[in-house]
Full PDB file with SEQRES, HELIX, SHEET, SSBOND, CRYST1, ORIGX, SCALE, CONECT and MASTER records, all heavy atoms in Angstrom:
SEQRES   1 A   35  LEU ALA GLU LEU ALA PRO LEU LEU GLU ALA LEU PRO ASP          
SEQRES   2 A   35  PRO ALA LEU LEU ILE ASP ALA SER MET ARG ILE VAL SER          
SEQRES   3 A   35  SER ASN ALA ALA ALA ARG ARG GLN MET                          
HELIX    1 AA1 ALA A    2  LEU A    4  5                                   3    
HELIX    2 AA2 ALA A    5  ALA A   10  1                                   6    
HELIX    3 AA3 ALA A   29  GLN A   34  1                                   6    
SHEET    1 AA1 2 LEU A  16  ILE A  18  0                                        
SHEET    2 AA1 2 ILE A  24  SER A  27 -1                                        
CRYST1    1.000    1.000    1.000  90.00  90.00  90.00 P 1           1          
ORIGX1      1.000000  0.000000  0.000000        0.00000                         
ORIGX2      0.000000  1.000000  0.000000        0.00000                         
ORIGX3      0.000000  0.000000  1.000000        0.00000                         
SCALE1      1.000000  0.000000  0.000000        0.00000                         
SCALE2      0.000000  1.000000  0.000000        0.00000                         
SCALE3      0.000000  0.000000  1.000000        0.00000                         
ATOM      1  N   LEU A   1     -62.667  36.700 167.425  1.00  0.00           N  
ATOM      2  CA  LEU A   1     -63.267  35.876 168.471  1.00  0.00           C  
ATOM      3  C   LEU A   1     -63.709  36.695 169.680  1.00  0.00           C  
ATOM      4  O   LEU A   1     -64.614  36.302 170.414  1.00  0.00           O  
ATOM      5  CB  LEU A   1     -62.269  34.800 168.923  1.00  0.00           C  
ATOM      6  CG  LEU A   1     -62.012  33.670 167.923  1.00  0.00           C  
ATOM      7  CD1 LEU A   1     -60.848  32.821 168.393  1.00  0.00           C  
ATOM      8  CD2 LEU A   1     -63.266  32.812 167.761  1.00  0.00           C  
ATOM      9  N   ALA A   2     -63.072  37.843 169.876  1.00  0.00           N  
ATOM     10  CA  ALA A   2     -63.441  38.673 171.021  1.00  0.00           C  
ATOM     11  C   ALA A   2     -64.869  39.197 170.913  1.00  0.00           C  
ATOM     12  O   ALA A   2     -65.442  39.652 171.897  1.00  0.00           O  
ATOM     13  CB  ALA A   2     -62.471  39.840 171.154  1.00  0.00           C  
ATOM     14  N   GLU A   3     -65.446  39.151 169.695  1.00  0.00           N  
ATOM     15  CA  GLU A   3     -66.832  39.566 169.540  1.00  0.00           C  
ATOM     16  C   GLU A   3     -67.794  38.680 170.320  1.00  0.00           C  
ATOM     17  O   GLU A   3     -68.934  39.048 170.586  1.00  0.00           O  
ATOM     18  CB  GLU A   3     -67.221  39.571 168.056  1.00  0.00           C  
ATOM     19  CG  GLU A   3     -66.516  40.647 167.246  1.00  0.00           C  
ATOM     20  CD  GLU A   3     -66.887  40.571 165.770  1.00  0.00           C  
ATOM     21  OE1 GLU A   3     -66.785  39.471 165.212  1.00  0.00           O  
ATOM     22  OE2 GLU A   3     -67.284  41.595 165.217  1.00  0.00           O  
ATOM     23  N   LEU A   4     -67.357  37.475 170.713  1.00  0.00           N  
ATOM     24  CA  LEU A   4     -68.204  36.550 171.461  1.00  0.00           C  
ATOM     25  C   LEU A   4     -68.212  36.830 172.954  1.00  0.00           C  
ATOM     26  O   LEU A   4     -68.895  36.142 173.709  1.00  0.00           O  
ATOM     27  CB  LEU A   4     -67.735  35.109 171.216  1.00  0.00           C  
ATOM     28  CG  LEU A   4     -67.861  34.609 169.778  1.00  0.00           C  
ATOM     29  CD1 LEU A   4     -67.250  33.224 169.643  1.00  0.00           C  
ATOM     30  CD2 LEU A   4     -69.314  34.573 169.343  1.00  0.00           C  
ATOM     31  N   ALA A   5     -67.429  37.792 173.405  1.00  0.00           N  
ATOM     32  CA  ALA A   5     -67.338  38.083 174.843  1.00  0.00           C  
ATOM     33  C   ALA A   5     -68.695  38.379 175.475  1.00  0.00           C  
ATOM     34  O   ALA A   5     -68.996  37.855 176.556  1.00  0.00           O  
ATOM     35  CB  ALA A   5     -66.367  39.236 175.086  1.00  0.00           C  
ATOM     36  N   PRO A   6     -69.565  39.203 174.862  1.00  0.00           N  
ATOM     37  CA  PRO A   6     -70.877  39.450 175.489  1.00  0.00           C  
ATOM     38  C   PRO A   6     -71.707  38.180 175.635  1.00  0.00           C  
ATOM     39  O   PRO A   6     -72.465  38.040 176.591  1.00  0.00           O  
ATOM     40  CB  PRO A   6     -71.545  40.451 174.538  1.00  0.00           C  
ATOM     41  CG  PRO A   6     -70.410  41.115 173.828  1.00  0.00           C  
ATOM     42  CD  PRO A   6     -69.374  40.055 173.667  1.00  0.00           C  
ATOM     43  N   LEU A   7     -71.556  37.249 174.689  1.00  0.00           N  
ATOM     44  CA  LEU A   7     -72.284  35.983 174.776  1.00  0.00           C  
ATOM     45  C   LEU A   7     -71.834  35.187 175.994  1.00  0.00           C  
ATOM     46  O   LEU A   7     -72.643  34.637 176.743  1.00  0.00           O  
ATOM     47  CB  LEU A   7     -72.082  35.171 173.504  1.00  0.00           C  
ATOM     48  CG  LEU A   7     -72.680  33.760 173.499  1.00  0.00           C  
ATOM     49  CD1 LEU A   7     -74.193  33.822 173.630  1.00  0.00           C  
ATOM     50  CD2 LEU A   7     -72.301  33.019 172.215  1.00  0.00           C  
ATOM     51  N   LEU A   8     -70.517  35.127 176.222  1.00  0.00           N  
ATOM     52  CA  LEU A   8     -69.995  34.398 177.370  1.00  0.00           C  
ATOM     53  C   LEU A   8     -70.454  35.030 178.678  1.00  0.00           C  
ATOM     54  O   LEU A   8     -70.789  34.324 179.634  1.00  0.00           O  
ATOM     55  CB  LEU A   8     -68.462  34.352 177.321  1.00  0.00           C  
ATOM     56  CG  LEU A   8     -67.849  33.090 176.709  1.00  0.00           C  
ATOM     57  CD1 LEU A   8     -68.198  32.982 175.240  1.00  0.00           C  
ATOM     58  CD2 LEU A   8     -66.343  33.082 176.894  1.00  0.00           C  
ATOM     59  N   GLU A   9     -70.469  36.352 178.729  1.00  0.00           N  
ATOM     60  CA  GLU A   9     -70.877  37.029 179.957  1.00  0.00           C  
ATOM     61  C   GLU A   9     -72.335  36.747 180.303  1.00  0.00           C  
ATOM     62  O   GLU A   9     -72.731  36.807 181.468  1.00  0.00           O  
ATOM     63  CB  GLU A   9     -70.670  38.538 179.839  1.00  0.00           C  
ATOM     64  CG  GLU A   9     -69.219  38.979 179.899  1.00  0.00           C  
ATOM     65  CD  GLU A   9     -68.587  38.744 181.269  1.00  0.00           C  
ATOM     66  OE1 GLU A   9     -69.329  38.416 182.223  1.00  0.00           O  
ATOM     67  OE2 GLU A   9     -67.363  38.887 181.384  1.00  0.00           O  
ATOM     68  N   ALA A  10     -73.151  36.437 179.295  1.00  0.00           N  
ATOM     69  CA  ALA A  10     -74.570  36.166 179.551  1.00  0.00           C  
ATOM     70  C   ALA A  10     -74.809  34.772 180.119  1.00  0.00           C  
ATOM     71  O   ALA A  10     -75.897  34.490 180.621  1.00  0.00           O  
ATOM     72  CB  ALA A  10     -75.368  36.339 178.257  1.00  0.00           C  
ATOM     73  N   LEU A  11     -73.813  33.882 180.039  1.00  0.00           N  
ATOM     74  CA  LEU A  11     -73.985  32.516 180.550  1.00  0.00           C  
ATOM     75  C   LEU A  11     -73.890  32.495 182.068  1.00  0.00           C  
ATOM     76  O   LEU A  11     -72.994  33.099 182.650  1.00  0.00           O  
ATOM     77  CB  LEU A  11     -72.914  31.593 179.947  1.00  0.00           C  
ATOM     78  CG  LEU A  11     -72.975  31.378 178.432  1.00  0.00           C  
ATOM     79  CD1 LEU A  11     -71.796  30.536 177.975  1.00  0.00           C  
ATOM     80  CD2 LEU A  11     -74.286  30.709 178.038  1.00  0.00           C  
ATOM     81  N   PRO A  12     -74.786  31.757 182.738  1.00  0.00           N  
ATOM     82  CA  PRO A  12     -74.721  31.704 184.205  1.00  0.00           C  
ATOM     83  C   PRO A  12     -73.602  30.816 184.722  1.00  0.00           C  
ATOM     84  O   PRO A  12     -73.114  31.015 185.831  1.00  0.00           O  
ATOM     85  CB  PRO A  12     -76.094  31.134 184.586  1.00  0.00           C  
ATOM     86  CG  PRO A  12     -76.515  30.330 183.394  1.00  0.00           C  
ATOM     87  CD  PRO A  12     -75.958  31.046 182.199  1.00  0.00           C  
ATOM     88  N   ASP A  13     -73.195  29.816 183.935  1.00  0.00           N  
ATOM     89  CA  ASP A  13     -72.129  28.912 184.354  1.00  0.00           C  
ATOM     90  C   ASP A  13     -70.774  29.442 183.885  1.00  0.00           C  
ATOM     91  O   ASP A  13     -70.697  30.196 182.901  1.00  0.00           O  
ATOM     92  CB  ASP A  13     -72.349  27.515 183.760  1.00  0.00           C  
ATOM     93  CG  ASP A  13     -73.575  26.838 184.349  1.00  0.00           C  
ATOM     94  OD1 ASP A  13     -73.718  26.864 185.583  1.00  0.00           O  
ATOM     95  OD2 ASP A  13     -74.390  26.292 183.579  1.00  0.00           O  
ATOM     96  N   PRO A  14     -69.701  29.060 184.554  1.00  0.00           N  
ATOM     97  CA  PRO A  14     -68.368  29.480 184.112  1.00  0.00           C  
ATOM     98  C   PRO A  14     -68.111  29.034 182.670  1.00  0.00           C  
ATOM     99  O   PRO A  14     -68.409  27.901 182.287  1.00  0.00           O  
ATOM    100  CB  PRO A  14     -67.419  28.760 185.087  1.00  0.00           C  
ATOM    101  CG  PRO A  14     -68.249  28.521 186.299  1.00  0.00           C  
ATOM    102  CD  PRO A  14     -69.636  28.271 185.808  1.00  0.00           C  
ATOM    103  N   ALA A  15     -67.551  29.942 181.858  1.00  0.00           N  
ATOM    104  CA  ALA A  15     -67.311  29.644 180.450  1.00  0.00           C  
ATOM    105  C   ALA A  15     -66.004  30.292 179.998  1.00  0.00           C  
ATOM    106  O   ALA A  15     -65.663  31.399 180.427  1.00  0.00           O  
ATOM    107  CB  ALA A  15     -68.469  30.132 179.580  1.00  0.00           C  
ATOM    108  N   LEU A  16     -65.285  29.585 179.116  1.00  0.00           N  
ATOM    109  CA  LEU A  16     -64.020  30.069 178.547  1.00  0.00           C  
ATOM    110  C   LEU A  16     -64.052  29.898 177.041  1.00  0.00           C  
ATOM    111  O   LEU A  16     -64.678  28.967 176.519  1.00  0.00           O  
ATOM    112  CB  LEU A  16     -62.831  29.284 179.116  1.00  0.00           C  
ATOM    113  CG  LEU A  16     -62.595  29.293 180.626  1.00  0.00           C  
ATOM    114  CD1 LEU A  16     -61.473  28.324 180.975  1.00  0.00           C  
ATOM    115  CD2 LEU A  16     -62.251  30.695 181.105  1.00  0.00           C  
ATOM    116  N   LEU A  17     -63.344  30.790 176.340  1.00  0.00           N  
ATOM    117  CA  LEU A  17     -63.140  30.662 174.901  1.00  0.00           C  
ATOM    118  C   LEU A  17     -61.638  30.553 174.669  1.00  0.00           C  
ATOM    119  O   LEU A  17     -60.883  31.455 175.039  1.00  0.00           O  
ATOM    120  CB  LEU A  17     -63.721  31.865 174.162  1.00  0.00           C  
ATOM    121  CG  LEU A  17     -63.806  31.740 172.637  1.00  0.00           C  
ATOM    122  CD1 LEU A  17     -64.756  30.618 172.252  1.00  0.00           C  
ATOM    123  CD2 LEU A  17     -64.264  33.054 172.014  1.00  0.00           C  
ATOM    124  N   ILE A  18     -61.219  29.421 174.073  1.00  0.00           N  
ATOM    125  CA  ILE A  18     -59.797  29.104 173.921  1.00  0.00           C  
ATOM    126  C   ILE A  18     -59.457  29.060 172.439  1.00  0.00           C  
ATOM    127  O   ILE A  18     -60.157  28.403 171.653  1.00  0.00           O  
ATOM    128  CB  ILE A  18     -59.464  27.738 174.572  1.00  0.00           C  
ATOM    129  CG1 ILE A  18     -60.024  27.672 175.986  1.00  0.00           C  
ATOM    130  CG2 ILE A  18     -57.974  27.494 174.557  1.00  0.00           C  
ATOM    131  CD1 ILE A  18     -59.492  28.714 176.931  1.00  0.00           C  
ATOM    132  N   ASP A  19     -58.381  29.769 172.035  1.00  0.00           N  
ATOM    133  CA  ASP A  19     -58.008  29.779 170.611  1.00  0.00           C  
ATOM    134  C   ASP A  19     -57.114  28.586 170.291  1.00  0.00           C  
ATOM    135  O   ASP A  19     -56.829  27.732 171.148  1.00  0.00           O  
ATOM    136  CB  ASP A  19     -57.350  31.101 170.238  1.00  0.00           C  
ATOM    137  CG  ASP A  19     -56.030  31.321 170.958  1.00  0.00           C  
ATOM    138  OD1 ASP A  19     -55.496  30.369 171.567  1.00  0.00           O  
ATOM    139  OD2 ASP A  19     -55.516  32.462 170.922  1.00  0.00           O  
ATOM    140  N   ALA A  20     -56.651  28.536 169.038  1.00  0.00           N  
ATOM    141  CA  ALA A  20     -55.874  27.386 168.568  1.00  0.00           C  
ATOM    142  C   ALA A  20     -54.534  27.252 169.278  1.00  0.00           C  
ATOM    143  O   ALA A  20     -53.951  26.158 169.313  1.00  0.00           O  
ATOM    144  CB  ALA A  20     -55.663  27.486 167.059  1.00  0.00           C  
ATOM    145  N   SER A  21     -54.024  28.309 169.835  1.00  0.00           N  
ATOM    146  CA  SER A  21     -52.749  28.248 170.558  1.00  0.00           C  
ATOM    147  C   SER A  21     -52.940  27.965 172.047  1.00  0.00           C  
ATOM    148  O   SER A  21     -51.996  28.124 172.824  1.00  0.00           O  
ATOM    149  CB  SER A  21     -51.977  29.554 170.367  1.00  0.00           C  
ATOM    150  OG  SER A  21     -52.706  30.648 170.911  1.00  0.00           O  
ATOM    151  N   MET A  22     -54.167  27.573 172.432  1.00  0.00           N  
ATOM    152  CA  MET A  22     -54.501  27.219 173.822  1.00  0.00           C  
ATOM    153  C   MET A  22     -54.442  28.424 174.756  1.00  0.00           C  
ATOM    154  O   MET A  22     -54.207  28.289 175.941  1.00  0.00           O  
ATOM    155  CB  MET A  22     -53.593  26.100 174.340  1.00  0.00           C  
ATOM    156  CG  MET A  22     -53.696  24.798 173.567  1.00  0.00           C  
ATOM    157  SD  MET A  22     -55.315  24.013 173.750  1.00  0.00           S  
ATOM    158  CE  MET A  22     -55.197  23.374 175.420  1.00  0.00           C  
ATOM    159  N   ARG A  23     -54.665  29.611 174.213  1.00  0.00           N  
ATOM    160  CA  ARG A  23     -54.740  30.805 175.046  1.00  0.00           C  
ATOM    161  C   ARG A  23     -56.195  31.182 175.299  1.00  0.00           C  
ATOM    162  O   ARG A  23     -57.075  30.912 174.472  1.00  0.00           O  
ATOM    163  CB  ARG A  23     -54.017  31.985 174.378  1.00  0.00           C  
ATOM    164  CG  ARG A  23     -52.502  31.847 174.325  1.00  0.00           C  
ATOM    165  CD  ARG A  23     -51.876  33.080 173.698  1.00  0.00           C  
ATOM    166  NE  ARG A  23     -50.428  32.980 173.613  1.00  0.00           N  
ATOM    167  CZ  ARG A  23     -49.596  33.357 174.571  1.00  0.00           C  
ATOM    168  NH1 ARG A  23     -50.088  33.883 175.681  1.00  0.00           N  
ATOM    169  NH2 ARG A  23     -48.295  33.235 174.419  1.00  0.00           N  
ATOM    170  N   ILE A  24     -56.439  31.835 176.431  1.00  0.00           N  
ATOM    171  CA  ILE A  24     -57.784  32.274 176.789  1.00  0.00           C  
ATOM    172  C   ILE A  24     -58.095  33.558 176.025  1.00  0.00           C  
ATOM    173  O   ILE A  24     -57.491  34.600 176.270  1.00  0.00           O  
ATOM    174  CB  ILE A  24     -57.902  32.507 178.300  1.00  0.00           C  
ATOM    175  CG1 ILE A  24     -57.592  31.217 179.067  1.00  0.00           C  
ATOM    176  CG2 ILE A  24     -59.291  33.016 178.663  1.00  0.00           C  
ATOM    177  CD1 ILE A  24     -57.513  31.417 180.561  1.00  0.00           C  
ATOM    178  N   VAL A  25     -59.028  33.473 175.086  1.00  0.00           N  
ATOM    179  CA  VAL A  25     -59.434  34.638 174.304  1.00  0.00           C  
ATOM    180  C   VAL A  25     -60.457  35.458 175.082  1.00  0.00           C  
ATOM    181  O   VAL A  25     -60.412  36.684 175.086  1.00  0.00           O  
ATOM    182  CB  VAL A  25     -60.024  34.199 172.951  1.00  0.00           C  
ATOM    183  CG1 VAL A  25     -60.506  35.417 172.158  1.00  0.00           C  
ATOM    184  CG2 VAL A  25     -59.001  33.418 172.158  1.00  0.00           C  
ATOM    185  N   SER A  26     -61.379  34.760 175.761  1.00  0.00           N  
ATOM    186  CA  SER A  26     -62.426  35.454 176.489  1.00  0.00           C  
ATOM    187  C   SER A  26     -62.925  34.555 177.610  1.00  0.00           C  
ATOM    188  O   SER A  26     -62.752  33.330 177.571  1.00  0.00           O  
ATOM    189  CB  SER A  26     -63.579  35.840 175.553  1.00  0.00           C  
ATOM    190  OG  SER A  26     -64.535  36.623 176.238  1.00  0.00           O  
ATOM    191  N   SER A  27     -63.554  35.166 178.606  1.00  0.00           N  
ATOM    192  CA  SER A  27     -64.109  34.420 179.741  1.00  0.00           C  
ATOM    193  C   SER A  27     -65.222  35.254 180.356  1.00  0.00           C  
ATOM    194  O   SER A  27     -65.333  36.452 180.100  1.00  0.00           O  
ATOM    195  CB  SER A  27     -63.015  34.132 180.781  1.00  0.00           C  
ATOM    196  OG  SER A  27     -62.479  35.348 181.288  1.00  0.00           O  
ATOM    197  N   ASN A  28     -66.056  34.614 181.159  1.00  0.00           N  
ATOM    198  CA  ASN A  28     -67.094  35.371 181.848  1.00  0.00           C  
ATOM    199  C   ASN A  28     -66.748  35.528 183.324  1.00  0.00           C  
ATOM    200  O   ASN A  28     -65.792  34.930 183.836  1.00  0.00           O  
ATOM    201  CB  ASN A  28     -68.478  34.733 181.659  1.00  0.00           C  
ATOM    202  CG  ASN A  28     -68.568  33.347 182.274  1.00  0.00           C  
ATOM    203  OD1 ASN A  28     -67.600  32.829 182.821  1.00  0.00           O  
ATOM    204  ND2 ASN A  28     -69.734  32.743 182.171  1.00  0.00           N  
ATOM    205  N   ALA A  29     -67.528  36.335 184.008  1.00  0.00           N  
ATOM    206  CA  ALA A  29     -67.226  36.647 185.405  1.00  0.00           C  
ATOM    207  C   ALA A  29     -67.281  35.406 186.285  1.00  0.00           C  
ATOM    208  O   ALA A  29     -66.494  35.267 187.222  1.00  0.00           O  
ATOM    209  CB  ALA A  29     -68.212  37.702 185.925  1.00  0.00           C  
ATOM    210  N   ALA A  30     -68.203  34.482 185.984  1.00  0.00           N  
ATOM    211  CA  ALA A  30     -68.317  33.262 186.791  1.00  0.00           C  
ATOM    212  C   ALA A  30     -67.044  32.436 186.707  1.00  0.00           C  
ATOM    213  O   ALA A  30     -66.579  31.874 187.707  1.00  0.00           O  
ATOM    214  CB  ALA A  30     -69.527  32.444 186.332  1.00  0.00           C  
ATOM    215  N   ALA A  31     -66.446  32.347 185.517  1.00  0.00           N  
ATOM    216  CA  ALA A  31     -65.199  31.581 185.353  1.00  0.00           C  
ATOM    217  C   ALA A  31     -64.046  32.259 186.071  1.00  0.00           C  
ATOM    218  O   ALA A  31     -63.237  31.599 186.746  1.00  0.00           O  
ATOM    219  CB  ALA A  31     -64.885  31.416 183.869  1.00  0.00           C  
ATOM    220  N   ARG A  32     -63.950  33.575 185.942  1.00  0.00           N  
ATOM    221  CA  ARG A  32     -62.844  34.286 186.597  1.00  0.00           C  
ATOM    222  C   ARG A  32     -62.949  34.195 188.122  1.00  0.00           C  
ATOM    223  O   ARG A  32     -61.928  34.072 188.817  1.00  0.00           O  
ATOM    224  CB  ARG A  32     -62.836  35.747 186.147  1.00  0.00           C  
ATOM    225  CG  ARG A  32     -62.503  35.917 184.668  1.00  0.00           C  
ATOM    226  CD  ARG A  32     -62.284  37.373 184.305  1.00  0.00           C  
ATOM    227  NE  ARG A  32     -63.487  38.183 184.434  1.00  0.00           N  
ATOM    228  CZ  ARG A  32     -64.393  38.349 183.478  1.00  0.00           C  
ATOM    229  NH1 ARG A  32     -64.224  37.727 182.312  1.00  0.00           N  
ATOM    230  NH2 ARG A  32     -65.454  39.123 183.663  1.00  0.00           N  
ATOM    231  N   ARG A  33     -64.185  34.209 188.618  1.00  0.00           N  
ATOM    232  CA  ARG A  33     -64.362  34.118 190.066  1.00  0.00           C  
ATOM    233  C   ARG A  33     -64.044  32.714 190.573  1.00  0.00           C  
ATOM    234  O   ARG A  33     -63.381  32.549 191.595  1.00  0.00           O  
ATOM    235  CB  ARG A  33     -65.804  34.501 190.415  1.00  0.00           C  
ATOM    236  CG  ARG A  33     -66.101  34.484 191.901  1.00  0.00           C  
ATOM    237  CD  ARG A  33     -67.478  35.039 192.176  1.00  0.00           C  
ATOM    238  NE  ARG A  33     -68.532  34.330 191.470  1.00  0.00           N  
ATOM    239  CZ  ARG A  33     -69.207  34.817 190.436  1.00  0.00           C  
ATOM    240  NH1 ARG A  33     -68.941  36.007 189.966  1.00  0.00           N  
ATOM    241  NH2 ARG A  33     -70.159  34.109 189.842  1.00  0.00           N  
ATOM    242  N   GLN A  34     -64.501  31.700 189.877  1.00  0.00           N  
ATOM    243  CA  GLN A  34     -64.294  30.328 190.340  1.00  0.00           C  
ATOM    244  C   GLN A  34     -62.854  29.877 190.173  1.00  0.00           C  
ATOM    245  O   GLN A  34     -62.297  29.205 191.044  1.00  0.00           O  
ATOM    246  CB  GLN A  34     -65.230  29.375 189.585  1.00  0.00           C  
ATOM    247  CG  GLN A  34     -65.063  27.907 189.971  1.00  0.00           C  
ATOM    248  CD  GLN A  34     -66.093  27.032 189.299  1.00  0.00           C  
ATOM    249  OE1 GLN A  34     -67.295  27.288 189.357  1.00  0.00           O  
ATOM    250  NE2 GLN A  34     -65.632  25.986 188.632  1.00  0.00           N  
ATOM    251  N   MET A  35     -62.219  30.237 189.057  1.00  0.00           N  
ATOM    252  CA  MET A  35     -60.862  29.768 188.781  1.00  0.00           C  
ATOM    253  C   MET A  35     -59.798  30.762 189.222  1.00  0.00           C  
ATOM    254  O   MET A  35     -58.607  30.504 189.073  1.00  0.00           O  
ATOM    255  CB  MET A  35     -60.718  29.479 187.277  1.00  0.00           C  
ATOM    256  CG  MET A  35     -61.700  28.426 186.794  1.00  0.00           C  
ATOM    257  SD  MET A  35     -61.561  28.094 185.024  1.00  0.00           S  
ATOM    258  CE  MET A  35     -62.989  27.018 184.794  1.00  0.00           C  
TER     259      MET A  35                                                      
MASTER        0    0    0    3    2    0    0    6  258    1    0    3          
END                                                                             
């Protein structure tokens, strides 16, 4: 799932990728800044 990290970083809005155990697998800079 970490292969999707570049895709998330390209999004202008805050974005998170959550696995089946409810952990944050990846996020973009907008999400880290806002949250």
